Amino acid sequence: MNETDSLHSTADAILIVDADVLSRHAIADYLRHCGYAVVEAANTDEAFLALREPTLSIDVIVCDIAAIGEHSGFELASWVRENRPELEVRLAGTLEKVVSTATELCESGPHLARPYEPEAVVDYVKRLRGAVARG
């Protein structure tokens, strides 16, 4: 997990869960450049640690559908929806990954494609944050 010290009580923090260090760092750096606080997790185990840390304020989660760890990306998304429904969680993945694993959460499958298009991620986060503010 990276950058956690600067995220205590920070609004609009994004948790990026992706084992591919190049993809994760690239999108995390871009989001930081856009003014967002970012927590990086290499796997779902690290993501769960961040989500259970009471001093971190995470608002949005972007998770690779095929995330590694004790739980899959789908299982992380299910846990978040049950235990932290105030958080927005979006799964990212390739079509092949989606087709092979989407049976559990068909209606909530990936909303972002990998490789990440930086502007699309920022636009998506802005729409999510706007929906939360209106809701």
C-alpha atoms as a PDB file:
ATOM      1  CA  MET A   1       0.000   0.000   0.000  1.00  0.00           C
ATOM      2  CA  ASN A   2       1.386   3.434  -0.900  1.00  0.00           C
ATOM      3  CA  GLU A   3       0.711   7.049  -0.028  1.00  0.00           C
ATOM      4  CA  THR A   4      -1.439   6.296   3.035  1.00  0.00           C
ATOM      5  CA  ASP A   5       0.115   8.927   5.312  1.00  0.00           C
ATOM      6  CA  SER A   6      -1.143  11.768   3.143  1.00  0.00           C
ATOM      7  CA  LEU A   7      -4.687  10.402   2.976  1.00  0.00           C
ATOM      8  CA  HIS A   8      -5.861  10.774   6.539  1.00  0.00           C
ATOM      9  CA  SER A   9      -9.181  12.656   6.480  1.00  0.00           C
ATOM     10  CA  THR A  10      -8.819  13.587   2.804  1.00  0.00           C
ATOM     11  CA  ALA A  11     -11.914  14.028   0.635  1.00  0.00           C
ATOM     12  CA  ASP A  12     -12.200  12.442  -2.808  1.00  0.00           C
ATOM     13  CA  ALA A  13      -9.666   9.689  -2.150  1.00  0.00           C
ATOM     14  CA  ILE A  14      -9.493   6.859  -4.656  1.00  0.00           C
ATOM     15  CA  LEU A  15      -8.356   3.304  -3.933  1.00  0.00           C
ATOM     16  CA  ILE A  16      -6.741   1.673  -6.981  1.00  0.00           C
ATOM     17  CA  VAL A  17      -6.488  -2.139  -6.737  1.00  0.00           C
ATOM     18  CA  ASP A  18      -4.371  -3.667  -9.480  1.00  0.00           C
ATOM     19  CA  ALA A  19      -1.506  -6.165  -9.440  1.00  0.00           C
ATOM     20  CA  ASP A  20      -0.060  -4.698 -12.632  1.00  0.00           C
ATOM     21  CA  VAL A  21       2.310  -2.171 -11.100  1.00  0.00           C
ATOM     22  CA  LEU A  22       2.771  -0.213 -14.328  1.00  0.00           C
ATOM     23  CA  SER A  23      -0.973   0.225 -14.888  1.00  0.00           C
ATOM     24  CA  ARG A  24      -1.604   1.007 -11.221  1.00  0.00           C
ATOM     25  CA  HIS A  25       1.189   3.558 -10.901  1.00  0.00           C
ATOM     26  CA  ALA A  26       0.352   5.242 -14.196  1.00  0.00           C
ATOM     27  CA  ILE A  27      -3.301   5.830 -13.381  1.00  0.00           C
ATOM     28  CA  ALA A  28      -2.517   6.688  -9.745  1.00  0.00           C
ATOM     29  CA  ASP A  29       0.027   9.323 -10.826  1.00  0.00           C
ATOM     30  CA  TYR A  30      -2.434  10.762 -13.327  1.00  0.00           C
ATOM     31  CA  LEU A  31      -5.201  10.960 -10.708  1.00  0.00           C
ATOM     32  CA  ARG A  32      -2.815  12.637  -8.255  1.00  0.00           C
ATOM     33  CA  HIS A  33      -1.908  15.139 -10.975  1.00  0.00           C
ATOM     34  CA  CYS A  34      -5.648  15.852 -11.285  1.00  0.00           C
ATOM     35  CA  GLY A  35      -5.811  16.640  -7.569  1.00  0.00           C
ATOM     36  CA  TYR A  36      -7.104  13.379  -6.124  1.00  0.00           C
ATOM     37  CA  ALA A  37      -5.625  11.570  -3.158  1.00  0.00           C
ATOM     38  CA  VAL A  38      -4.839   7.977  -4.117  1.00  0.00           C
ATOM     39  CA  VAL A  39      -4.206   4.774  -2.191  1.00  0.00           C
ATOM     40  CA  GLU A  40      -2.614   1.983  -4.187  1.00  0.00           C
ATOM     41  CA  ALA A  41      -3.163  -1.675  -3.404  1.00  0.00           C
ATOM     42  CA  ALA A  42      -1.376  -4.467  -5.257  1.00  0.00           C
ATOM     43  CA  ASN A  43      -4.021  -7.017  -4.255  1.00  0.00           C
ATOM     44  CA  THR A  44      -7.347  -7.388  -2.478  1.00  0.00           C
ATOM     45  CA  ASP A  45      -5.629  -8.169   0.837  1.00  0.00           C
ATOM     46  CA  GLU A  46      -4.042  -4.705   0.809  1.00  0.00           C
ATOM     47  CA  ALA A  47      -7.356  -3.202  -0.306  1.00  0.00           C
ATOM     48  CA  PHE A  48      -9.192  -4.734   2.654  1.00  0.00           C
ATOM     49  CA  LEU A  49      -6.526  -3.364   5.015  1.00  0.00           C
ATOM     50  CA  ALA A  50      -7.019   0.127   3.581  1.00  0.00           C
ATOM     51  CA  LEU A  51     -10.810  -0.139   3.763  1.00  0.00           C
ATOM     52  CA  ARG A  52     -10.698  -1.235   7.386  1.00  0.00           C
ATOM     53  CA  GLU A  53      -8.272   1.526   8.383  1.00  0.00           C
ATOM     54  CA  PRO A  54     -10.433   4.043  10.293  1.00  0.00           C
ATOM     55  CA  THR A  55      -8.117   6.979   9.613  1.00  0.00           C
ATOM     56  CA  LEU A  56      -8.342   6.661   5.815  1.00  0.00           C
ATOM     57  CA  SER A  57     -11.140   8.392   3.969  1.00  0.00           C
ATOM     58  CA  ILE A  58     -11.732   6.504   0.704  1.00  0.00           C
ATOM     59  CA  ASP A  59     -14.591   7.573  -1.556  1.00  0.00           C
ATOM     60  CA  VAL A  60     -14.110   5.609  -4.784  1.00  0.00           C
ATOM     61  CA  ILE A  61     -12.569   2.205  -5.535  1.00  0.00           C
ATOM     62  CA  VAL A  62     -11.298   1.173  -8.963  1.00  0.00           C
ATOM     63  CA  CYS A  63     -10.442  -2.510  -8.902  1.00  0.00           C
ATOM     64  CA  ASP A  64      -9.126  -4.879 -11.540  1.00  0.00           C
ATOM     65  CA  ILE A  65     -11.760  -7.568 -12.015  1.00  0.00           C
ATOM     66  CA  ALA A  66      -9.027 -10.212 -11.852  1.00  0.00           C
ATOM     67  CA  ALA A  67      -7.374  -8.751  -8.757  1.00  0.00           C
ATOM     68  CA  ILE A  68      -5.216 -11.204  -6.864  1.00  0.00           C
ATOM     69  CA  GLY A  69      -5.277 -11.937  -3.156  1.00  0.00           C
ATOM     70  CA  GLU A  70      -7.424 -13.999  -0.861  1.00  0.00           C
ATOM     71  CA  HIS A  71     -10.501 -12.571  -2.618  1.00  0.00           C
ATOM     72  CA  SER A  72     -11.212 -11.678  -6.233  1.00  0.00           C
ATOM     73  CA  GLY A  73     -12.158  -8.240  -7.503  1.00  0.00           C
ATOM     74  CA  PHE A  74     -15.793  -9.390  -7.602  1.00  0.00           C
ATOM     75  CA  GLU A  75     -15.621 -10.524  -3.981  1.00  0.00           C
ATOM     76  CA  LEU A  76     -14.112  -7.190  -2.948  1.00  0.00           C
ATOM     77  CA  ALA A  77     -16.906  -5.360  -4.773  1.00  0.00           C
ATOM     78  CA  SER A  78     -19.545  -7.533  -3.082  1.00  0.00           C
ATOM     79  CA  TRP A  79     -18.014  -6.907   0.347  1.00  0.00           C
ATOM     80  CA  VAL A  80     -17.956  -3.159  -0.278  1.00  0.00           C
ATOM     81  CA  ARG A  81     -21.587  -3.137  -1.389  1.00  0.00           C
ATOM     82  CA  GLU A  82     -22.634  -5.023   1.754  1.00  0.00           C
ATOM     83  CA  ASN A  83     -20.354  -3.379   4.315  1.00  0.00           C
ATOM     84  CA  ARG A  84     -19.529   0.070   2.931  1.00  0.00           C
ATOM     85  CA  PRO A  85     -22.483   0.978   0.669  1.00  0.00           C
ATOM     86  CA  GLU A  86     -21.539   4.662   0.771  1.00  0.00           C
ATOM     87  CA  LEU A  87     -18.466   3.879  -1.351  1.00  0.00           C
ATOM     88  CA  GLU A  88     -18.537   3.821  -5.102  1.00  0.00           C
ATOM     89  CA  VAL A  89     -16.798   0.740  -6.482  1.00  0.00           C
ATOM     90  CA  ARG A  90     -16.043   0.096 -10.132  1.00  0.00           C
ATOM     91  CA  LEU A  91     -14.452  -2.951 -11.651  1.00  0.00           C
ATOM     92  CA  ALA A  92     -12.034  -2.688 -14.554  1.00  0.00           C
ATOM     93  CA  GLY A  93     -10.959  -5.446 -16.871  1.00  0.00           C
ATOM     94  CA  THR A  94     -10.554  -6.831 -20.327  1.00  0.00           C
ATOM     95  CA  LEU A  95     -13.419  -8.445 -22.159  1.00  0.00           C
ATOM     96  CA  GLU A  96     -11.873 -11.888 -21.694  1.00  0.00           C
ATOM     97  CA  LYS A  97     -11.673 -11.450 -17.918  1.00  0.00           C
ATOM     98  CA  VAL A  98     -15.210 -10.140 -17.753  1.00  0.00           C
ATOM     99  CA  VAL A  99     -16.693 -12.988 -19.739  1.00  0.00           C
ATOM    100  CA  SER A 100     -14.917 -15.608 -17.664  1.00  0.00           C
ATOM    101  CA  THR A 101     -15.833 -14.172 -14.238  1.00  0.00           C
ATOM    102  CA  ALA A 102     -18.960 -12.000 -14.567  1.00  0.00           C
ATOM    103  CA  THR A 103     -21.579 -14.562 -13.535  1.00  0.00           C
ATOM    104  CA  GLU A 104     -21.672 -13.415  -9.893  1.00  0.00           C
ATOM    105  CA  LEU A 105     -22.253  -9.708 -10.543  1.00  0.00           C
ATOM    106  CA  CYS A 106     -23.566  -9.531 -14.102  1.00  0.00           C
ATOM    107  CA  GLU A 107     -25.482  -6.284 -13.604  1.00  0.00           C
ATOM    108  CA  SER A 108     -22.496  -4.678 -11.891  1.00  0.00           C
ATOM    109  CA  GLY A 109     -19.707  -5.768 -14.193  1.00  0.00           C
ATOM    110  CA  PRO A 110     -16.786  -3.607 -15.246  1.00  0.00           C
ATOM    111  CA  HIS A 111     -17.436  -0.014 -16.154  1.00  0.00           C
ATOM    112  CA  LEU A 112     -13.868   0.854 -17.112  1.00  0.00           C
ATOM    113  CA  ALA A 113     -11.691  -0.829 -19.685  1.00  0.00           C
ATOM    114  CA  ARG A 114      -8.035  -1.685 -19.250  1.00  0.00           C
ATOM    115  CA  PRO A 115      -5.635  -0.402 -20.257  1.00  0.00           C
ATOM    116  CA  TYR A 116      -6.940   2.661 -18.425  1.00  0.00           C
ATOM    117  CA  GLU A 117      -7.722   5.765 -20.416  1.00  0.00           C
ATOM    118  CA  PRO A 118      -6.691   8.430 -17.889  1.00  0.00           C
ATOM    119  CA  GLU A 119      -9.233  11.044 -18.965  1.00  0.00           C
ATOM    120  CA  ALA A 120     -12.031   8.462 -18.898  1.00  0.00           C
ATOM    121  CA  VAL A 121     -11.163   7.493 -15.316  1.00  0.00           C
ATOM    122  CA  VAL A 122     -11.182  11.134 -14.184  1.00  0.00           C
ATOM    123  CA  ASP A 123     -14.488  11.786 -15.968  1.00  0.00           C
ATOM    124  CA  TYR A 124     -15.952   8.666 -14.399  1.00  0.00           C
ATOM    125  CA  VAL A 125     -14.814   9.652 -10.901  1.00  0.00           C
ATOM    126  CA  LYS A 126     -16.290  13.138 -11.371  1.00  0.00           C
ATOM    127  CA  ARG A 127     -19.652  11.628 -12.415  1.00  0.00           C
ATOM    128  CA  LEU A 128     -19.622   9.268  -9.421  1.00  0.00           C
ATOM    129  CA  ARG A 129     -18.798  12.063  -6.989  1.00  0.00           C
ATOM    130  CA  GLY A 130     -21.533  14.243  -8.530  1.00  0.00           C
ATOM    131  CA  ALA A 131     -24.087  11.448  -8.136  1.00  0.00           C
ATOM    132  CA  VAL A 132     -23.115  10.966  -4.492  1.00  0.00           C
ATOM    133  CA  ALA A 133     -23.414  14.703  -3.816  1.00  0.00           C
ATOM    134  CA  ARG A 134     -26.892  14.770  -5.391  1.00  0.00           C
ATOM    135  CA  GLY A 135     -27.988  11.537  -3.663  1.00  0.00           C
END
